[in-house]
Amino acid sequence: MAIKGSLLEASLPDVMQLLFLGRRTGRLAMTDRQSHGSVFFDEGLVVHATIVNRRDRLGDILVRTGRVTPDQLDTAMRFQANVPNLRLGEILVSLGMLSRSEMERHVRIQVEEAIFALFTWQSGSFSFEAGVRPEEDEVLCRINPESVLLEGARRVDEWTLIEKKIPSFDLIFDLEHQPDADLEFSETQRLLLDHLDGHRDVRSLIEESSLSDFDTCKALFGLLTAGIIRRVGTSTPAPQVRHQETQIEEHRNLGVAFYRTGMLDEAMREFRRVADLRPSEGSAPFFLGLIALRQERWKDAAEAFRMTLDRAGPRASALHNLGLALEYLGEYDEAEQVMAEAVARGRDEPRILVTWGIVALARRDFVAAEARLNRARVLYGEASISPVLAWALGRAYVMQGDVERARELVDLGLKAVPGHSALRTLRAVLLEASGDLKGAEEELTEAIAEAPGVPQIAKNLGDICYRTGRYEEAEEWYQRAAKASPELGDDLYFKLGNLALKRDDPEVARDRWEKTVALNPDHQLARANLESLGELG
């Protein structure tokens, strides 16, 4: 069951309650204008939450609660600068500054604070991806959403009042008058009074006090309501260079988050902004190329990866993706050259070798394809095989007449991924080659039910119908294949021409044979048929 929609129609608490009751596991991704957040569930319980570009509050929480000193936090963060893949909490535990149980308790607070911030999002969209889990190095907790929902509802009610007086974090406040000594203030209010100087904005107060957004604004709201502080202005923009660097980082982070959650149009918007802000940026065109690949815009992908190579140098990943785009474009000779360089720079990367093998298949160099794909198989390990590798190597064997080895690979690949449409299509080819047309048709019928948009499956079904004299069915399948992929192949249009002539429509037959010759100038039967039509005309 897909769960997606607008936050205007269903609030985050409603969606969380649905996921809790359904004991769902996966990631709930949300966007609100330029913000992106995620909440991860494991059988209905919240295990992690994060908001892109929201400053990590774990260190702030630990300092605020007095569990670590500012000096200890600085030491841990300097250590983290040298080992960026290690989480701050793990560093504090390893340095003996924090016990693991304390660290886990404060991570829970951090997760709850992120969810409370997400509760304030009133617009945007959400989508749930089943089975997606946090990164392996994240510290996880297990929180019953009902406890978070109760506290979140209280906070949201208070936010509606607070936002009327503090609508922006850019506001600057100062003392209206020196408060009487006998007035009682909360701990957070006293902390903020020490930082109020008529120059710091709300954002600065949050960062310097180590308080949460909510606690800071709640304390300021109380001081404003009591008339102890007053608004004196808004903050001055940061210097342009620093502001631009911050913008680039924020747009890049959002772009990566959108890309990972499959929100490709939103990701493309963010990376285009990165490219506009810094034309020499190398990562922006790389991600724009990845997005174009996933959207099957092969020409745009090739241009983006060429730009990446110009700006960031000849990296194996960019060369590999450029070769992939060129293969889809039918530029097989250039793809061969690009992939050879990619392999030279990423010699032990089996994924690159698989693509290089597929390029060899497209160039009909089946011996080279077999060698490259078998090399990739050794690197992957004989115990397991990816469906793409099984399909490509199986096809290389078929084209060299080794049907038995091809059948073994197809069966191995389908054992790992039973519904893989390309492997099922190849199995149908093997069945057809052995004379089992009925079995081949059954295999293709199931494959196209699972992947209705794949033109090659429709083409193969048309071939079986053509061979068995079911010409009307054959034409329906061929037309479906041609509509999905107009450049699918000369054989498709040659047979469509034959079928048109069978129903006595020579003009349509001429058009289809001309298309055949345009795709393959060496197609002698199509040329002969066109000459015959000319003589008849």
Protein backbone atom coordinates (compact mmCIF):
# COMPACT_ATOMS: atom_id res chain seq x y z
CA MET A 1 0.00 0.00 0.00
CA ALA A 2 1.47 3.34 -1.10
CA ILE A 3 1.10 6.17 1.41
CA LYS A 4 1.58 9.62 -0.05
CA GLY A 5 -0.23 12.93 -0.16
CA SER A 6 -0.33 16.56 0.88
CA LEU A 7 0.22 17.83 4.42
CA LEU A 8 -2.76 20.12 3.78
CA GLU A 9 -4.98 17.05 3.55
CA ALA A 10 -3.39 14.80 6.18
CA SER A 11 -1.25 16.04 9.06
CA LEU A 12 1.94 14.34 10.21
CA PRO A 13 0.27 13.07 13.43
CA ASP A 14 -2.46 11.41 11.33
CA VAL A 15 0.10 9.71 9.11
CA MET A 16 2.25 8.60 12.06
CA GLN A 17 -0.80 7.10 13.75
CA LEU A 18 -1.64 5.19 10.55
CA LEU A 19 1.91 3.79 10.31
CA PHE A 20 1.91 2.85 14.01
CA LEU A 21 -1.41 1.01 13.79
CA GLY A 22 -0.27 -0.77 10.62
CA ARG A 23 3.05 -1.75 12.26
CA ARG A 24 4.84 -0.45 9.15
CA THR A 25 8.61 -0.44 8.55
CA GLY A 26 10.22 2.18 6.31
CA ARG A 27 10.87 5.90 5.84
CA LEU A 28 8.31 8.69 5.90
CA ALA A 29 9.77 11.55 3.83
CA MET A 30 8.31 15.09 4.01
CA THR A 31 8.91 18.36 2.20
CA ASP A 32 7.76 21.86 3.08
CA ARG A 33 8.93 24.53 0.63
CA GLN A 34 12.75 24.26 0.81
CA SER A 35 12.87 21.82 3.74
CA HIS A 36 13.12 18.02 3.76
CA GLY A 37 12.65 15.70 6.73
CA SER A 38 12.50 11.95 7.36
CA VAL A 39 11.04 9.77 10.11
CA PHE A 40 12.03 6.08 10.15
CA PHE A 41 9.75 3.37 11.52
CA ASP A 42 10.38 -0.23 12.56
CA GLU A 43 7.15 -2.19 12.96
CA GLY A 44 5.31 1.01 13.80
CA LEU A 45 7.83 2.38 16.32
CA VAL A 46 9.89 5.49 15.58
CA VAL A 47 13.61 4.65 15.46
CA HIS A 48 15.15 7.77 13.90
CA ALA A 49 14.24 11.23 12.58
CA THR A 50 16.19 13.96 10.84
CA ILE A 51 15.69 17.29 9.06
CA VAL A 52 18.11 18.24 6.28
CA ASN A 53 20.14 21.39 7.04
CA ARG A 54 18.91 21.48 10.64
CA ARG A 55 21.97 21.81 12.85
CA ASP A 56 22.74 18.61 14.79
CA ARG A 57 21.44 19.24 18.31
CA LEU A 58 22.93 16.26 20.15
CA GLY A 59 25.94 18.25 21.34
CA ASP A 60 23.72 21.20 22.27
CA ILE A 61 21.41 18.96 24.28
CA LEU A 62 24.33 17.42 26.16
CA VAL A 63 25.79 20.82 27.02
CA ARG A 64 22.41 22.26 28.02
CA THR A 65 21.70 19.39 30.39
CA GLY A 66 25.21 19.68 31.86
CA ARG A 67 26.17 16.17 30.84
CA VAL A 68 29.26 17.36 28.96
CA THR A 69 31.13 20.65 29.18
CA PRO A 70 31.66 22.98 26.19
CA ASP A 71 35.37 22.07 26.28
CA GLN A 72 34.59 18.36 26.12
CA LEU A 73 32.23 18.95 23.20
CA ASP A 74 34.92 20.95 21.37
CA THR A 75 37.41 18.11 21.90
CA ALA A 76 34.95 15.55 20.51
CA MET A 77 34.11 17.73 17.49
CA ARG A 78 37.80 18.25 16.67
CA PHE A 79 38.21 14.46 16.83
CA GLN A 80 35.20 14.08 14.51
CA ALA A 81 36.76 16.46 11.98
CA ASN A 82 39.49 13.86 11.44
CA VAL A 83 37.04 10.93 11.34
CA PRO A 84 33.93 12.42 9.67
CA ASN A 85 32.14 9.07 9.27
CA LEU A 86 32.03 8.53 13.04
CA ARG A 87 28.97 9.94 14.85
CA LEU A 88 29.43 12.49 17.63
CA GLY A 89 27.70 10.27 20.19
CA GLU A 90 29.99 7.32 19.43
CA ILE A 91 33.04 9.60 19.81
CA LEU A 92 31.87 10.83 23.21
CA VAL A 93 31.34 7.25 24.36
CA SER A 94 34.73 6.11 23.05
CA LEU A 95 36.45 9.04 24.83
CA GLY A 96 34.76 8.08 28.11
CA MET A 97 32.84 11.35 28.33
CA LEU A 98 29.45 9.64 28.13
CA SER A 99 28.03 6.20 28.85
CA ARG A 100 26.22 4.38 26.05
CA SER A 101 22.90 4.44 27.92
CA GLU A 102 23.21 8.21 28.41
CA MET A 103 24.07 8.68 24.76
CA GLU A 104 21.04 6.65 23.66
CA ARG A 105 18.77 8.65 25.98
CA HIS A 106 19.97 11.93 24.51
CA VAL A 107 19.66 10.59 20.96
CA ARG A 108 16.02 9.90 21.81
CA ILE A 109 15.61 13.54 22.86
CA GLN A 110 17.26 14.62 19.61
CA VAL A 111 14.84 12.47 17.57
CA GLU A 112 11.84 13.80 19.49
CA GLU A 113 12.95 17.40 18.90
CA ALA A 114 13.17 16.74 15.15
CA ILE A 115 9.64 15.28 15.13
CA PHE A 116 8.25 18.22 17.13
CA ALA A 117 9.78 20.56 14.52
CA LEU A 118 8.14 18.51 11.74
CA PHE A 119 4.76 18.88 13.48
CA THR A 120 4.87 22.61 12.68
CA TRP A 121 4.97 21.98 8.91
CA GLN A 122 1.56 22.93 7.58
CA SER A 123 2.08 22.54 3.81
CA GLY A 124 4.12 20.42 1.44
CA SER A 125 3.90 16.70 0.80
CA PHE A 126 4.74 13.33 2.33
CA SER A 127 5.46 9.83 1.02
CA PHE A 128 6.17 6.54 2.77
CA GLU A 129 8.75 4.09 1.35
CA ALA A 130 8.41 0.62 2.80
CA GLY A 131 11.55 -1.22 3.87
CA VAL A 132 13.90 1.80 3.78
CA ARG A 133 16.07 1.95 6.90
CA PRO A 134 18.43 4.57 8.39
CA GLU A 135 22.12 4.49 7.52
CA GLU A 136 23.99 1.69 9.27
CA ASP A 137 26.04 3.98 11.51
CA GLU A 138 23.03 5.84 12.95
CA VAL A 139 22.25 5.32 16.65
CA LEU A 140 18.64 4.15 16.80
CA CYS A 141 15.99 4.34 19.50
CA ARG A 142 12.51 2.82 19.80
CA ILE A 143 9.77 5.33 20.57
CA ASN A 144 6.05 4.66 20.79
CA PRO A 145 4.58 7.37 18.49
CA GLU A 146 1.64 7.89 20.86
CA SER A 147 3.91 9.48 23.49
CA VAL A 148 5.39 11.81 20.86
CA LEU A 149 1.94 12.67 19.49
CA LEU A 150 0.67 13.76 22.91
CA GLU A 151 3.61 16.11 23.53
CA GLY A 152 3.58 17.26 19.90
CA ALA A 153 -0.08 18.25 20.07
CA ARG A 154 0.61 20.43 23.11
CA ARG A 155 3.56 22.09 21.41
CA VAL A 156 1.69 22.78 18.19
CA ASP A 157 -1.08 24.50 20.16
CA GLU A 158 1.51 26.70 21.85
CA TRP A 159 3.31 27.42 18.56
CA THR A 160 0.16 28.94 17.07
CA LEU A 161 0.28 31.58 19.82
CA ILE A 162 4.05 31.99 19.81
CA GLU A 163 4.26 32.52 16.02
CA LYS A 164 1.97 35.53 16.25
CA LYS A 165 4.67 37.40 18.17
CA ILE A 166 7.77 35.62 16.83
CA PRO A 167 7.01 34.87 13.16
CA SER A 168 10.69 34.77 12.11
CA PHE A 169 14.09 33.74 13.49
CA ASP A 170 15.55 36.93 11.98
CA LEU A 171 13.95 39.14 14.67
CA ILE A 172 16.17 40.95 17.21
CA PHE A 173 15.01 41.65 20.77
CA ASP A 174 16.40 43.80 23.59
CA LEU A 175 15.44 44.59 27.17
CA GLU A 176 12.56 47.06 27.50
CA HIS A 177 13.73 47.79 31.04
CA GLN A 178 15.82 46.15 33.71
CA PRO A 179 13.56 43.54 35.39
CA ASP A 180 12.80 43.78 39.10
CA ALA A 181 15.03 41.62 41.26
CA ASP A 182 12.07 39.85 42.87
CA LEU A 183 10.64 38.59 39.54
CA GLU A 184 10.81 34.83 39.07
CA PHE A 185 12.07 33.58 35.72
CA SER A 186 12.40 30.09 34.34
CA GLU A 187 15.89 28.70 33.78
CA THR A 188 15.57 29.17 29.99
CA GLN A 189 14.34 32.76 30.41
CA ARG A 190 17.28 33.66 32.66
CA LEU A 191 19.68 32.09 30.15
CA LEU A 192 18.23 34.17 27.31
CA LEU A 193 18.28 37.39 29.35
CA ASP A 194 22.04 36.97 29.65
CA HIS A 195 22.35 36.82 25.85
CA LEU A 196 19.96 39.65 24.89
CA ASP A 197 21.98 42.67 23.71
CA GLY A 198 19.94 44.25 20.91
CA HIS A 199 22.20 42.64 18.25
CA ARG A 200 21.60 38.89 18.37
CA ASP A 201 18.64 37.59 16.37
CA VAL A 202 16.51 34.61 17.43
CA ARG A 203 18.62 32.23 15.36
CA SER A 204 21.77 33.36 17.17
CA LEU A 205 20.06 33.00 20.54
CA ILE A 206 19.12 29.41 19.67
CA GLU A 207 22.68 28.55 18.67
CA GLU A 208 24.47 30.31 21.54
CA SER A 209 22.10 29.18 24.30
CA SER A 210 22.02 25.53 23.10
CA LEU A 211 18.24 25.60 23.58
CA SER A 212 15.78 24.04 21.14
CA ASP A 213 13.81 26.24 18.72
CA PHE A 214 10.66 25.65 20.73
CA ASP A 215 12.15 26.33 24.16
CA THR A 216 13.87 29.51 22.94
CA CYS A 217 10.76 30.94 21.32
CA LYS A 218 8.55 29.90 24.24
CA ALA A 219 10.85 31.74 26.67
CA LEU A 220 10.98 34.84 24.45
CA PHE A 221 7.20 34.74 24.10
CA GLY A 222 6.84 34.85 27.90
CA LEU A 223 9.29 37.77 28.18
CA LEU A 224 7.49 39.66 25.39
CA THR A 225 4.08 39.06 26.92
CA ALA A 226 5.33 40.38 30.27
CA GLY A 227 6.71 43.51 28.56
CA ILE A 228 10.29 42.81 29.71
CA ILE A 229 11.75 42.70 26.17
CA ARG A 230 10.83 44.43 22.94
CA ARG A 231 11.51 43.93 19.24
CA VAL A 232 14.22 46.29 17.95
CA GLY A 233 14.72 45.11 14.35
CA THR A 234 15.81 42.27 12.10
CA SER A 235 19.25 40.80 11.50
CA THR A 236 21.58 42.11 8.80
CA PRO A 237 22.36 39.60 6.03
CA ALA A 238 25.70 37.79 6.39
CA PRO A 239 28.54 38.75 4.07
CA GLN A 240 27.76 37.68 0.52
CA VAL A 241 30.54 35.08 0.19
CA ARG A 242 29.62 33.28 3.40
CA HIS A 243 25.92 33.55 2.58
CA GLN A 244 26.51 32.01 -0.85
CA GLU A 245 28.53 29.13 0.60
CA THR A 246 25.71 28.41 3.04
CA GLN A 247 23.15 28.52 0.22
CA ILE A 248 25.19 26.10 -1.91
CA GLU A 249 25.53 23.64 0.96
CA GLU A 250 21.83 23.80 1.81
CA HIS A 251 20.70 23.33 -1.80
CA ARG A 252 23.15 20.43 -2.24
CA ASN A 253 21.96 18.71 0.94
CA LEU A 254 18.32 19.11 -0.09
CA GLY A 255 19.09 17.83 -3.58
CA VAL A 256 20.72 14.67 -2.23
CA ALA A 257 17.82 14.07 0.15
CA PHE A 258 15.24 14.54 -2.62
CA TYR A 259 17.20 12.25 -4.96
CA ARG A 260 17.43 9.48 -2.37
CA THR A 261 13.68 9.58 -1.80
CA GLY A 262 12.88 9.49 -5.53
CA MET A 263 11.63 13.10 -5.70
CA LEU A 264 13.53 13.73 -8.92
CA ASP A 265 11.96 17.01 -10.05
CA GLU A 266 12.61 18.57 -6.64
CA ALA A 267 16.18 17.21 -6.65
CA MET A 268 16.77 18.65 -10.13
CA ARG A 269 15.58 22.08 -8.95
CA GLU A 270 18.03 22.09 -6.03
CA PHE A 271 21.05 20.98 -8.08
CA ARG A 272 20.28 23.55 -10.77
CA ARG A 273 20.42 26.20 -8.05
CA VAL A 274 23.79 24.87 -6.93
CA ALA A 275 25.02 25.08 -10.55
CA ASP A 276 23.69 28.65 -10.87
CA LEU A 277 25.38 29.76 -7.65
CA ARG A 278 28.71 28.11 -8.53
CA PRO A 279 29.13 27.41 -12.27
CA SER A 280 32.37 25.52 -11.65
CA GLU A 281 30.62 23.07 -9.30
CA GLY A 282 31.33 19.43 -10.25
CA SER A 283 28.82 17.55 -8.10
CA ALA A 284 25.77 19.45 -9.39
CA PRO A 285 26.02 18.26 -13.05
CA PHE A 286 26.87 14.75 -11.80
CA PHE A 287 23.59 14.51 -9.87
CA LEU A 288 21.70 16.20 -12.70
CA GLY A 289 23.08 13.43 -14.93
CA LEU A 290 21.91 10.73 -12.49
CA ILE A 291 18.45 12.29 -12.44
CA ALA A 292 18.36 12.39 -16.25
CA LEU A 293 19.33 8.69 -16.37
CA ARG A 294 16.48 7.76 -14.04
CA GLN A 295 14.08 9.83 -16.16
CA GLU A 296 15.43 8.20 -19.35
CA ARG A 297 16.60 11.53 -20.79
CA TRP A 298 19.73 9.98 -22.27
CA LYS A 299 20.99 13.02 -24.22
CA ASP A 300 20.64 15.31 -21.20
CA ALA A 301 22.43 12.71 -19.07
CA ALA A 302 25.35 12.50 -21.49
CA GLU A 303 25.72 16.29 -21.58
CA ALA A 304 25.62 16.49 -17.77
CA PHE A 305 28.32 13.83 -17.31
CA ARG A 306 30.54 15.47 -19.94
CA MET A 307 30.22 18.68 -17.95
CA THR A 308 31.12 16.79 -14.77
CA LEU A 309 34.28 15.45 -16.39
CA ASP A 310 35.24 18.93 -17.61
CA ARG A 311 34.85 20.39 -14.12
CA ALA A 312 35.91 17.58 -11.80
CA GLY A 313 38.30 15.57 -13.95
CA PRO A 314 38.12 11.97 -15.28
CA ARG A 315 36.51 10.11 -12.38
CA ALA A 316 35.47 6.48 -12.89
CA SER A 317 31.88 7.06 -11.72
CA ALA A 318 31.27 9.94 -14.16
CA LEU A 319 32.90 8.03 -17.04
CA HIS A 320 30.78 4.96 -16.25
CA ASN A 321 27.53 6.91 -16.25
CA LEU A 322 28.50 8.72 -19.45
CA GLY A 323 29.17 5.36 -21.10
CA LEU A 324 25.78 4.12 -19.90
CA ALA A 325 24.02 7.16 -21.40
CA LEU A 326 25.90 6.75 -24.70
CA GLU A 327 24.92 3.07 -24.86
CA TYR A 328 21.24 4.02 -24.50
CA LEU A 329 21.72 6.65 -27.23
CA GLY A 330 23.14 4.00 -29.57
CA GLU A 331 26.57 5.68 -29.69
CA TYR A 332 28.29 2.35 -29.20
CA ASP A 333 31.79 3.19 -30.47
CA GLU A 334 32.10 6.26 -28.25
CA ALA A 335 30.59 4.31 -25.36
CA GLU A 336 33.29 1.67 -25.85
CA GLN A 337 36.07 4.27 -25.58
CA VAL A 338 34.54 5.94 -22.52
CA MET A 339 33.94 2.64 -20.73
CA ALA A 340 37.50 1.48 -21.43
CA GLU A 341 38.77 4.58 -19.60
CA ALA A 342 36.25 4.03 -16.79
CA VAL A 343 37.52 0.47 -16.31
CA ALA A 344 41.12 1.69 -16.30
CA ARG A 345 40.30 4.12 -13.49
CA GLY A 346 38.02 1.77 -11.54
CA ARG A 347 39.67 -1.54 -12.35
CA ASP A 348 38.10 -3.62 -9.58
CA GLU A 349 34.59 -2.21 -9.85
CA PRO A 350 32.37 -5.04 -11.20
CA ARG A 351 29.46 -2.68 -11.93
CA ILE A 352 31.61 -0.83 -14.49
CA LEU A 353 32.69 -4.12 -16.07
CA VAL A 354 29.04 -5.17 -16.46
CA THR A 355 28.22 -1.98 -18.37
CA TRP A 356 31.35 -2.43 -20.49
CA GLY A 357 30.15 -5.96 -21.27
CA ILE A 358 26.70 -4.66 -22.27
CA VAL A 359 28.35 -2.16 -24.62
CA ALA A 360 30.23 -5.06 -26.23
CA LEU A 361 26.91 -6.88 -26.68
CA ALA A 362 25.48 -3.82 -28.41
CA ARG A 363 28.54 -3.76 -30.71
CA ARG A 364 27.99 -7.50 -31.38
CA ASP A 365 31.42 -8.33 -29.98
CA PHE A 366 30.18 -11.34 -28.06
CA VAL A 367 33.60 -12.77 -27.21
CA ALA A 368 34.67 -9.50 -25.53
CA ALA A 369 31.29 -9.28 -23.80
CA GLU A 370 31.69 -12.78 -22.34
CA ALA A 371 35.22 -12.02 -21.08
CA ARG A 372 34.23 -8.73 -19.43
CA LEU A 373 31.09 -10.12 -17.83
CA ASN A 374 32.84 -13.22 -16.51
CA ARG A 375 35.49 -10.96 -14.98
CA ALA A 376 32.72 -9.01 -13.24
CA ARG A 377 31.18 -12.28 -12.05
CA VAL A 378 34.47 -13.31 -10.42
CA LEU A 379 34.69 -9.94 -8.65
CA TYR A 380 31.08 -10.19 -7.44
CA GLY A 381 31.62 -13.79 -6.28
CA GLU A 382 30.28 -16.99 -7.78
CA ALA A 383 27.77 -17.53 -4.96
CA SER A 384 25.48 -14.70 -6.05
CA ILE A 385 24.77 -12.99 -9.36
CA SER A 386 22.85 -9.80 -10.10
CA PRO A 387 19.90 -10.04 -12.54
CA VAL A 388 21.56 -7.57 -14.95
CA LEU A 389 24.79 -9.61 -15.02
CA ALA A 390 22.83 -12.86 -15.45
CA TRP A 391 20.88 -11.36 -18.36
CA ALA A 392 23.92 -9.88 -20.11
CA LEU A 393 26.15 -12.94 -19.73
CA GLY A 394 23.27 -15.24 -20.66
CA ARG A 395 22.70 -13.22 -23.82
CA ALA A 396 26.41 -13.37 -24.66
CA TYR A 397 26.22 -17.19 -24.40
CA VAL A 398 23.05 -17.31 -26.54
CA MET A 399 24.65 -15.26 -29.31
CA GLN A 400 27.57 -17.73 -29.33
CA GLY A 401 25.25 -20.74 -29.43
CA ASP A 402 25.89 -21.92 -25.85
CA VAL A 403 22.22 -22.32 -24.90
CA GLU A 404 22.84 -24.63 -21.94
CA ARG A 405 25.10 -22.19 -20.09
CA ALA A 406 22.68 -19.37 -20.90
CA ARG A 407 19.79 -21.35 -19.38
CA GLU A 408 21.80 -22.01 -16.19
CA LEU A 409 22.51 -18.29 -15.76
CA VAL A 410 18.90 -17.28 -16.38
CA ASP A 411 17.66 -19.79 -13.81
CA LEU A 412 20.26 -18.55 -11.31
CA GLY A 413 19.24 -14.92 -11.84
CA LEU A 414 15.52 -15.68 -11.56
CA LYS A 415 16.16 -17.60 -8.36
CA ALA A 416 17.46 -14.36 -6.85
CA VAL A 417 14.81 -12.09 -8.43
CA PRO A 418 11.85 -14.22 -9.65
CA GLY A 419 9.96 -11.38 -11.36
CA HIS A 420 12.85 -9.81 -13.32
CA SER A 421 11.29 -8.98 -16.72
CA ALA A 422 14.51 -8.99 -18.78
CA LEU A 423 15.48 -12.43 -17.48
CA ARG A 424 12.01 -13.78 -18.13
CA THR A 425 12.19 -12.39 -21.66
CA LEU A 426 15.53 -14.13 -22.19
CA ARG A 427 14.10 -17.37 -20.81
CA ALA A 428 11.28 -17.05 -23.35
CA VAL A 429 13.87 -16.65 -26.12
CA LEU A 430 15.53 -19.87 -24.97
CA LEU A 431 12.19 -21.69 -24.89
CA GLU A 432 11.32 -20.41 -28.36
CA ALA A 433 14.72 -21.52 -29.68
CA SER A 434 14.05 -25.03 -28.34
CA GLY A 435 10.67 -25.11 -30.13
CA ASP A 436 8.50 -24.57 -27.04
CA LEU A 437 6.45 -21.68 -28.42
CA LYS A 438 3.63 -22.19 -25.93
CA GLY A 439 6.01 -22.03 -22.97
CA ALA A 440 7.71 -18.97 -24.44
CA GLU A 441 4.39 -17.17 -24.89
CA GLU A 442 3.31 -17.98 -21.33
CA GLU A 443 6.63 -16.63 -20.01
CA LEU A 444 6.29 -13.40 -22.02
CA THR A 445 2.64 -12.91 -21.03
CA GLU A 446 3.60 -13.06 -17.35
CA ALA A 447 6.59 -10.78 -17.96
CA ILE A 448 4.56 -8.06 -19.70
CA ALA A 449 1.97 -8.18 -16.92
CA GLU A 450 4.76 -7.31 -14.48
CA ALA A 451 6.48 -4.78 -16.80
CA PRO A 452 3.83 -3.47 -19.25
CA GLY A 453 6.02 -0.60 -20.46
CA VAL A 454 8.93 -2.72 -21.78
CA PRO A 455 8.75 -2.65 -25.60
CA GLN A 456 11.01 -5.68 -26.20
CA ILE A 457 8.54 -7.99 -24.44
CA ALA A 458 5.72 -6.77 -26.71
CA LYS A 459 7.99 -7.24 -29.75
CA ASN A 460 8.78 -10.83 -28.74
CA LEU A 461 5.09 -11.62 -28.21
CA GLY A 462 4.43 -10.22 -31.67
CA ASP A 463 7.13 -12.51 -33.11
CA ILE A 464 5.48 -15.60 -31.61
CA CYS A 465 2.06 -14.58 -32.92
CA TYR A 466 3.65 -13.87 -36.34
CA ARG A 467 5.27 -17.31 -36.41
CA THR A 468 2.00 -19.05 -35.50
CA GLY A 469 -0.07 -17.18 -38.11
CA ARG A 470 -2.02 -14.98 -35.67
CA TYR A 471 -1.36 -11.85 -37.70
CA GLU A 472 -3.88 -9.49 -36.12
CA GLU A 473 -2.51 -10.24 -32.65
CA ALA A 474 1.03 -9.89 -33.98
CA GLU A 475 0.28 -6.44 -35.38
CA GLU A 476 -1.27 -5.31 -32.09
CA TRP A 477 1.87 -6.33 -30.19
CA TYR A 478 4.17 -4.76 -32.79
CA GLN A 479 2.22 -1.49 -32.71
CA ARG A 480 2.46 -1.45 -28.93
CA ALA A 481 6.22 -1.99 -29.10
CA ALA A 482 6.68 0.72 -31.76
CA LYS A 483 4.65 3.21 -29.75
CA ALA A 484 6.76 2.58 -26.65
CA SER A 485 10.08 2.67 -28.55
CA PRO A 486 9.96 4.08 -32.13
CA GLU A 487 13.62 3.17 -32.70
CA LEU A 488 13.34 -0.37 -31.38
CA GLY A 489 14.70 -2.10 -34.49
CA ASP A 490 14.49 -2.66 -38.22
CA ASP A 491 12.96 -6.14 -37.85
CA LEU A 492 9.91 -4.64 -36.12
CA TYR A 493 9.08 -2.33 -39.02
CA PHE A 494 9.93 -4.95 -41.64
CA LYS A 495 7.31 -7.30 -40.19
CA LEU A 496 4.80 -4.47 -39.80
CA GLY A 497 5.31 -3.82 -43.51
CA ASN A 498 4.72 -7.49 -44.31
CA LEU A 499 1.51 -7.46 -42.26
CA ALA A 500 0.28 -4.31 -44.01
CA LEU A 501 0.81 -5.95 -47.40
CA LYS A 502 -1.04 -9.07 -46.23
CA ARG A 503 -4.15 -6.94 -45.62
CA ASP A 504 -3.64 -5.26 -49.01
CA ASP A 505 -2.41 -1.85 -47.81
CA PRO A 506 0.69 -1.17 -49.95
CA GLU A 507 1.09 2.48 -48.91
CA VAL A 508 1.42 1.58 -45.23
CA ALA A 509 3.72 -1.29 -46.20
CA ARG A 510 5.91 1.15 -48.16
CA ASP A 511 6.10 3.54 -45.20
CA ARG A 512 7.15 0.75 -42.81
CA TRP A 513 9.76 -0.72 -45.14
CA GLU A 514 11.22 2.75 -45.69
CA LYS A 515 11.50 3.04 -41.92
CA THR A 516 13.24 -0.35 -41.92
CA VAL A 517 15.83 0.83 -44.45
CA ALA A 518 16.32 4.10 -42.54
CA LEU A 519 17.20 2.10 -39.43
CA ASN A 520 19.28 -0.48 -41.34
CA PRO A 521 20.43 0.56 -44.83
CA ASP A 522 21.77 -2.99 -45.41
CA HIS A 523 18.35 -4.66 -44.98
CA GLN A 524 18.18 -6.32 -48.42
CA LEU A 525 14.70 -7.86 -48.08
CA ALA A 526 13.16 -4.50 -47.24
CA ARG A 527 14.92 -2.93 -50.24
CA ALA A 528 13.71 -5.74 -52.51
CA ASN A 529 10.13 -5.30 -51.26
CA LEU A 530 10.28 -1.54 -51.92
CA GLU A 531 11.55 -2.19 -55.46
CA SER A 532 8.69 -4.64 -56.03
CA LEU A 533 6.16 -2.04 -54.87
CA GLY A 534 7.75 0.48 -57.26
CA GLU A 535 7.37 -1.91 -60.16
CA LEU A 536 3.74 -2.60 -59.19
CA GLY A 537 3.10 1.15 -58.86
